[in-house]
Amino acid sequence: MRSTRIAISAAMLGALALPVLSATTASAAPIATPAPASNCSSLSPLPYEVHTRAVTIRSKATTKSTAVGVLYRGHKFTVHKKSGNWLYVTDRTTRVKGWVSGTYVYRDVRMCLD
């Protein structure tokens, strides 16, 4: 008796599923048009960002130098020059100037399909 109930349930579910499937295939979604391509070389470079909670601003471009400040994620800062993997920056929030490691502070890269 149990197998009869299961067979009836499966048959009922199959019958219910057919109209739903046919209704969804009958409607057509609008085709999205791609955005016009732009020339990547004409776009300004992306800004530098802190990609960790905080990074130490140092007096020289070495981890052994004196810490002069902290650059937190979300702070706005200006990059003046690079030396190897180090960036000389000014934190616009605190006006502290110094060197930060490029391991934690870097510029995102655009993906261009030309």
N, C-alpha and C. Protein backbone atom coordinates (compact mmCIF):
# COMPACT_ATOMS: atom_id res chain seq x y z
N MET A 1 0.82 -1.18 0.00
CA MET A 1 0.00 0.00 0.00
C MET A 1 0.87 1.25 0.00
N ARG A 2 1.96 1.20 0.68
CA ARG A 2 2.86 2.33 0.72
C ARG A 2 3.41 2.64 -0.68
N SER A 3 3.78 1.65 -1.46
CA SER A 3 4.31 1.88 -2.79
C SER A 3 3.29 2.51 -3.71
N THR A 4 2.02 2.25 -3.52
CA THR A 4 0.97 2.86 -4.34
C THR A 4 0.92 4.36 -4.08
N ARG A 5 1.02 4.74 -2.85
CA ARG A 5 0.98 6.17 -2.51
C ARG A 5 2.18 6.90 -3.11
N ILE A 6 3.32 6.29 -3.06
CA ILE A 6 4.52 6.91 -3.62
C ILE A 6 4.37 7.06 -5.13
N ALA A 7 3.85 6.06 -5.82
CA ALA A 7 3.66 6.12 -7.26
C ALA A 7 2.67 7.22 -7.63
N ILE A 8 1.63 7.36 -6.87
CA ILE A 8 0.63 8.40 -7.15
C ILE A 8 1.26 9.77 -6.91
N SER A 9 2.03 9.93 -5.84
CA SER A 9 2.68 11.21 -5.57
C SER A 9 3.63 11.59 -6.68
N ALA A 10 4.44 10.67 -7.15
CA ALA A 10 5.37 10.95 -8.22
C ALA A 10 4.65 11.33 -9.49
N ALA A 11 3.55 10.64 -9.79
CA ALA A 11 2.78 10.95 -11.00
C ALA A 11 2.16 12.34 -10.89
N MET A 12 1.68 12.68 -9.73
CA MET A 12 1.07 14.00 -9.54
C MET A 12 2.11 15.10 -9.67
N LEU A 13 3.29 14.89 -9.11
CA LEU A 13 4.34 15.89 -9.21
C LEU A 13 4.78 16.08 -10.66
N GLY A 14 4.90 14.99 -11.39
CA GLY A 14 5.27 15.08 -12.80
C GLY A 14 4.23 15.85 -13.60
N ALA A 15 2.97 15.64 -13.32
CA ALA A 15 1.90 16.33 -14.03
C ALA A 15 1.90 17.81 -13.69
N LEU A 16 2.22 18.14 -12.45
CA LEU A 16 2.25 19.54 -12.04
C LEU A 16 3.47 20.27 -12.62
N ALA A 17 4.55 19.56 -12.80
CA ALA A 17 5.77 20.19 -13.26
C ALA A 17 5.73 20.53 -14.74
N LEU A 18 5.00 19.79 -15.54
CA LEU A 18 4.98 20.03 -16.99
C LEU A 18 4.47 21.41 -17.38
N PRO A 19 3.33 21.87 -16.86
CA PRO A 19 2.88 23.20 -17.26
C PRO A 19 3.83 24.31 -16.82
N VAL A 20 4.46 24.16 -15.68
CA VAL A 20 5.40 25.17 -15.21
C VAL A 20 6.60 25.25 -16.13
N LEU A 21 7.14 24.11 -16.53
CA LEU A 21 8.28 24.11 -17.43
C LEU A 21 7.93 24.70 -18.79
N SER A 22 6.75 24.37 -19.32
CA SER A 22 6.38 24.89 -20.63
C SER A 22 6.11 26.38 -20.58
N ALA A 23 5.62 26.88 -19.44
CA ALA A 23 5.35 28.31 -19.31
C ALA A 23 6.65 29.11 -19.28
N THR A 24 7.67 28.58 -18.64
CA THR A 24 8.92 29.33 -18.56
C THR A 24 9.68 29.31 -19.88
N THR A 25 9.54 28.25 -20.67
CA THR A 25 10.24 28.22 -21.94
C THR A 25 9.54 29.07 -22.99
N ALA A 26 8.26 29.37 -22.80
CA ALA A 26 7.54 30.16 -23.78
C ALA A 26 7.91 31.64 -23.70
N SER A 27 8.25 32.13 -22.53
CA SER A 27 8.60 33.54 -22.40
C SER A 27 10.07 33.73 -22.73
N ALA A 28 10.37 34.80 -23.41
CA ALA A 28 11.76 35.07 -23.80
C ALA A 28 12.26 36.30 -23.07
N ALA A 29 13.46 36.23 -22.54
CA ALA A 29 14.07 37.37 -21.86
C ALA A 29 14.68 38.30 -22.90
N PRO A 30 14.64 39.61 -22.65
CA PRO A 30 15.26 40.53 -23.61
C PRO A 30 16.77 40.32 -23.66
N ILE A 31 17.33 40.51 -24.82
CA ILE A 31 18.76 40.35 -25.02
C ILE A 31 19.47 41.63 -24.63
N ALA A 32 20.45 41.50 -23.73
CA ALA A 32 21.20 42.67 -23.28
C ALA A 32 22.23 43.06 -24.34
N THR A 33 22.35 44.35 -24.59
CA THR A 33 23.35 44.83 -25.54
C THR A 33 24.62 45.16 -24.78
N PRO A 34 25.78 44.77 -25.29
CA PRO A 34 27.03 45.06 -24.58
C PRO A 34 27.33 46.55 -24.55
N ALA A 35 28.01 46.97 -23.49
CA ALA A 35 28.42 48.37 -23.35
C ALA A 35 29.50 48.67 -24.39
N PRO A 36 29.53 49.89 -24.89
CA PRO A 36 30.56 50.22 -25.87
C PRO A 36 31.96 50.10 -25.26
N ALA A 37 32.87 49.59 -26.03
CA ALA A 37 34.26 49.41 -25.56
C ALA A 37 34.96 50.76 -25.50
N SER A 38 35.78 50.94 -24.48
CA SER A 38 36.55 52.16 -24.37
C SER A 38 38.03 51.81 -24.43
N ASN A 39 38.82 52.77 -24.79
CA ASN A 39 40.26 52.57 -24.89
C ASN A 39 40.86 52.72 -23.49
N CYS A 40 41.47 51.66 -22.97
CA CYS A 40 42.01 51.68 -21.60
C CYS A 40 43.14 52.69 -21.42
N SER A 41 43.91 52.92 -22.45
CA SER A 41 45.03 53.84 -22.30
C SER A 41 44.56 55.28 -22.09
N SER A 42 43.32 55.59 -22.46
CA SER A 42 42.83 56.95 -22.28
C SER A 42 42.26 57.18 -20.88
N LEU A 43 42.04 56.10 -20.10
CA LEU A 43 41.49 56.24 -18.75
C LEU A 43 42.59 56.57 -17.75
N SER A 44 42.24 57.35 -16.73
CA SER A 44 43.23 57.68 -15.70
C SER A 44 43.51 56.44 -14.87
N PRO A 45 44.72 56.33 -14.31
CA PRO A 45 45.04 55.15 -13.50
C PRO A 45 44.18 55.09 -12.25
N LEU A 46 43.95 53.89 -11.77
CA LEU A 46 43.19 53.71 -10.54
C LEU A 46 44.00 54.19 -9.35
N PRO A 47 43.35 54.64 -8.29
CA PRO A 47 44.09 55.14 -7.12
C PRO A 47 44.73 54.00 -6.34
N TYR A 48 45.75 54.34 -5.57
CA TYR A 48 46.36 53.38 -4.65
C TYR A 48 45.42 53.18 -3.47
N GLU A 49 45.44 51.97 -2.90
CA GLU A 49 44.61 51.66 -1.75
C GLU A 49 45.41 50.82 -0.76
N VAL A 50 45.03 50.91 0.51
CA VAL A 50 45.62 50.05 1.54
C VAL A 50 44.82 48.75 1.51
N HIS A 51 45.51 47.63 1.31
CA HIS A 51 44.84 46.34 1.20
C HIS A 51 45.07 45.46 2.43
N THR A 52 45.08 46.08 3.59
CA THR A 52 45.15 45.41 4.88
C THR A 52 44.52 46.37 5.88
N ARG A 53 44.42 45.99 7.13
CA ARG A 53 43.81 46.90 8.11
C ARG A 53 44.59 48.18 8.27
N ALA A 54 45.90 48.05 8.35
CA ALA A 54 46.76 49.22 8.53
C ALA A 54 48.17 48.87 8.09
N VAL A 55 48.92 49.88 7.71
CA VAL A 55 50.32 49.70 7.34
C VAL A 55 51.12 50.82 8.00
N THR A 56 52.30 50.49 8.46
CA THR A 56 53.15 51.46 9.16
C THR A 56 53.83 52.39 8.16
N ILE A 57 53.77 53.67 8.46
CA ILE A 57 54.51 54.66 7.68
C ILE A 57 55.87 54.80 8.35
N ARG A 58 56.94 54.66 7.59
CA ARG A 58 58.30 54.65 8.14
C ARG A 58 59.11 55.84 7.62
N SER A 59 60.16 56.18 8.36
CA SER A 59 61.01 57.32 7.99
C SER A 59 61.89 57.00 6.78
N LYS A 60 62.23 55.74 6.58
CA LYS A 60 63.04 55.30 5.44
C LYS A 60 62.40 54.07 4.82
N ALA A 61 62.84 53.72 3.64
CA ALA A 61 62.26 52.60 2.91
C ALA A 61 62.86 51.27 3.37
N THR A 62 62.70 50.98 4.67
CA THR A 62 63.15 49.72 5.25
C THR A 62 62.33 49.42 6.50
N THR A 63 62.12 48.14 6.77
CA THR A 63 61.34 47.77 7.96
C THR A 63 62.07 48.06 9.25
N LYS A 64 63.37 48.30 9.20
CA LYS A 64 64.15 48.58 10.41
C LYS A 64 64.13 50.07 10.79
N SER A 65 63.56 50.92 9.93
CA SER A 65 63.55 52.36 10.21
C SER A 65 62.43 52.71 11.20
N THR A 66 62.49 53.93 11.70
CA THR A 66 61.54 54.42 12.69
C THR A 66 60.13 54.55 12.11
N ALA A 67 59.14 54.10 12.89
CA ALA A 67 57.74 54.29 12.50
C ALA A 67 57.33 55.73 12.79
N VAL A 68 56.73 56.39 11.81
CA VAL A 68 56.32 57.79 11.99
C VAL A 68 54.81 57.95 11.95
N GLY A 69 54.09 56.89 11.59
CA GLY A 69 52.64 56.97 11.53
C GLY A 69 52.05 55.66 11.05
N VAL A 70 50.73 55.67 10.92
CA VAL A 70 49.99 54.50 10.45
C VAL A 70 49.02 54.94 9.38
N LEU A 71 48.97 54.18 8.32
CA LEU A 71 48.04 54.44 7.23
C LEU A 71 46.98 53.35 7.29
N TYR A 72 45.75 53.73 7.62
CA TYR A 72 44.66 52.77 7.77
C TYR A 72 43.90 52.58 6.46
N ARG A 73 43.24 51.43 6.35
CA ARG A 73 42.40 51.17 5.18
C ARG A 73 41.34 52.26 5.11
N GLY A 74 41.12 52.79 3.94
CA GLY A 74 40.13 53.84 3.75
C GLY A 74 40.71 55.24 3.81
N HIS A 75 41.92 55.40 4.35
CA HIS A 75 42.56 56.72 4.36
C HIS A 75 42.92 57.12 2.93
N LYS A 76 42.77 58.37 2.66
CA LYS A 76 43.21 58.90 1.37
C LYS A 76 44.67 59.30 1.52
N PHE A 77 45.45 58.98 0.50
CA PHE A 77 46.86 59.34 0.55
C PHE A 77 47.38 59.59 -0.85
N THR A 78 48.50 60.30 -0.91
CA THR A 78 49.14 60.66 -2.17
C THR A 78 50.46 59.93 -2.26
N VAL A 79 50.73 59.33 -3.42
CA VAL A 79 52.01 58.67 -3.66
C VAL A 79 52.89 59.65 -4.42
N HIS A 80 54.07 59.95 -3.87
CA HIS A 80 54.98 60.90 -4.50
C HIS A 80 56.02 60.21 -5.38
N LYS A 81 56.57 59.09 -4.88
CA LYS A 81 57.58 58.37 -5.66
C LYS A 81 57.67 56.93 -5.18
N LYS A 82 58.36 56.12 -5.99
CA LYS A 82 58.57 54.71 -5.67
C LYS A 82 60.07 54.43 -5.60
N SER A 83 60.44 53.49 -4.73
CA SER A 83 61.81 53.02 -4.65
C SER A 83 61.74 51.52 -4.39
N GLY A 84 61.95 50.74 -5.44
CA GLY A 84 61.78 49.30 -5.32
C GLY A 84 60.33 48.98 -5.02
N ASN A 85 60.08 48.29 -3.91
CA ASN A 85 58.71 47.95 -3.52
C ASN A 85 58.17 48.92 -2.47
N TRP A 86 58.82 50.06 -2.27
CA TRP A 86 58.40 51.04 -1.28
C TRP A 86 57.83 52.27 -1.96
N LEU A 87 56.84 52.89 -1.32
CA LEU A 87 56.19 54.10 -1.84
C LEU A 87 56.33 55.22 -0.82
N TYR A 88 56.73 56.39 -1.30
CA TYR A 88 56.80 57.57 -0.44
C TYR A 88 55.44 58.26 -0.53
N VAL A 89 54.74 58.36 0.61
CA VAL A 89 53.35 58.82 0.61
C VAL A 89 53.14 59.97 1.59
N THR A 90 52.02 60.66 1.41
CA THR A 90 51.50 61.60 2.40
C THR A 90 50.09 61.17 2.72
N ASP A 91 49.83 60.91 4.00
CA ASP A 91 48.48 60.59 4.46
C ASP A 91 47.70 61.89 4.49
N ARG A 92 46.63 61.99 3.71
CA ARG A 92 45.87 63.23 3.62
C ARG A 92 45.05 63.51 4.88
N THR A 93 44.83 62.48 5.70
CA THR A 93 44.08 62.67 6.94
C THR A 93 44.95 63.29 8.02
N THR A 94 46.17 62.75 8.18
CA THR A 94 47.05 63.21 9.27
C THR A 94 48.21 64.08 8.78
N ARG A 95 48.43 64.16 7.49
CA ARG A 95 49.52 64.91 6.85
C ARG A 95 50.90 64.31 7.14
N VAL A 96 50.95 63.08 7.62
CA VAL A 96 52.22 62.40 7.88
C VAL A 96 52.81 61.94 6.56
N LYS A 97 54.14 62.18 6.39
CA LYS A 97 54.84 61.75 5.18
C LYS A 97 55.83 60.67 5.55
N GLY A 98 55.99 59.69 4.66
CA GLY A 98 56.96 58.63 4.90
C GLY A 98 56.80 57.51 3.90
N TRP A 99 57.47 56.41 4.20
CA TRP A 99 57.53 55.26 3.29
C TRP A 99 56.63 54.13 3.78
N VAL A 100 55.91 53.51 2.84
CA VAL A 100 55.09 52.33 3.14
C VAL A 100 55.45 51.22 2.16
N SER A 101 55.28 50.00 2.61
CA SER A 101 55.59 48.85 1.77
C SER A 101 54.53 48.66 0.68
N GLY A 102 54.99 48.43 -0.53
CA GLY A 102 54.09 48.15 -1.65
C GLY A 102 53.42 46.80 -1.56
N THR A 103 53.81 45.99 -0.58
CA THR A 103 53.14 44.71 -0.35
C THR A 103 51.72 44.92 0.14
N TYR A 104 51.49 46.00 0.88
CA TYR A 104 50.19 46.26 1.48
C TYR A 104 49.45 47.43 0.84
N VAL A 105 50.16 48.22 0.08
CA VAL A 105 49.58 49.39 -0.57
C VAL A 105 49.86 49.27 -2.06
N TYR A 106 48.80 49.13 -2.84
CA TYR A 106 49.02 49.02 -4.28
C TYR A 106 47.79 49.48 -5.05
N ARG A 107 47.97 49.61 -6.30
CA ARG A 107 46.94 50.10 -7.21
C ARG A 107 46.24 48.91 -7.85
N ASP A 108 44.92 48.94 -7.86
CA ASP A 108 44.17 47.90 -8.56
C ASP A 108 44.42 48.02 -10.05
N VAL A 109 44.27 46.93 -10.76
CA VAL A 109 44.55 46.89 -12.20
C VAL A 109 43.25 46.73 -12.97
N ARG A 110 43.08 47.52 -14.00
CA ARG A 110 41.91 47.39 -14.88
C ARG A 110 42.10 46.22 -15.84
N MET A 111 41.03 45.55 -16.14
CA MET A 111 41.05 44.50 -17.16
C MET A 111 40.54 45.12 -18.46
N CYS A 112 41.39 45.18 -19.46
CA CYS A 112 40.99 45.78 -20.72
C CYS A 112 41.01 44.71 -21.82
N LEU A 113 39.94 44.65 -22.54
CA LEU A 113 39.85 43.69 -23.64
C LEU A 113 39.81 44.48 -24.94
N ASP A 114 40.97 44.73 -25.48
CA ASP A 114 41.07 45.52 -26.72
C ASP A 114 41.19 44.59 -27.90
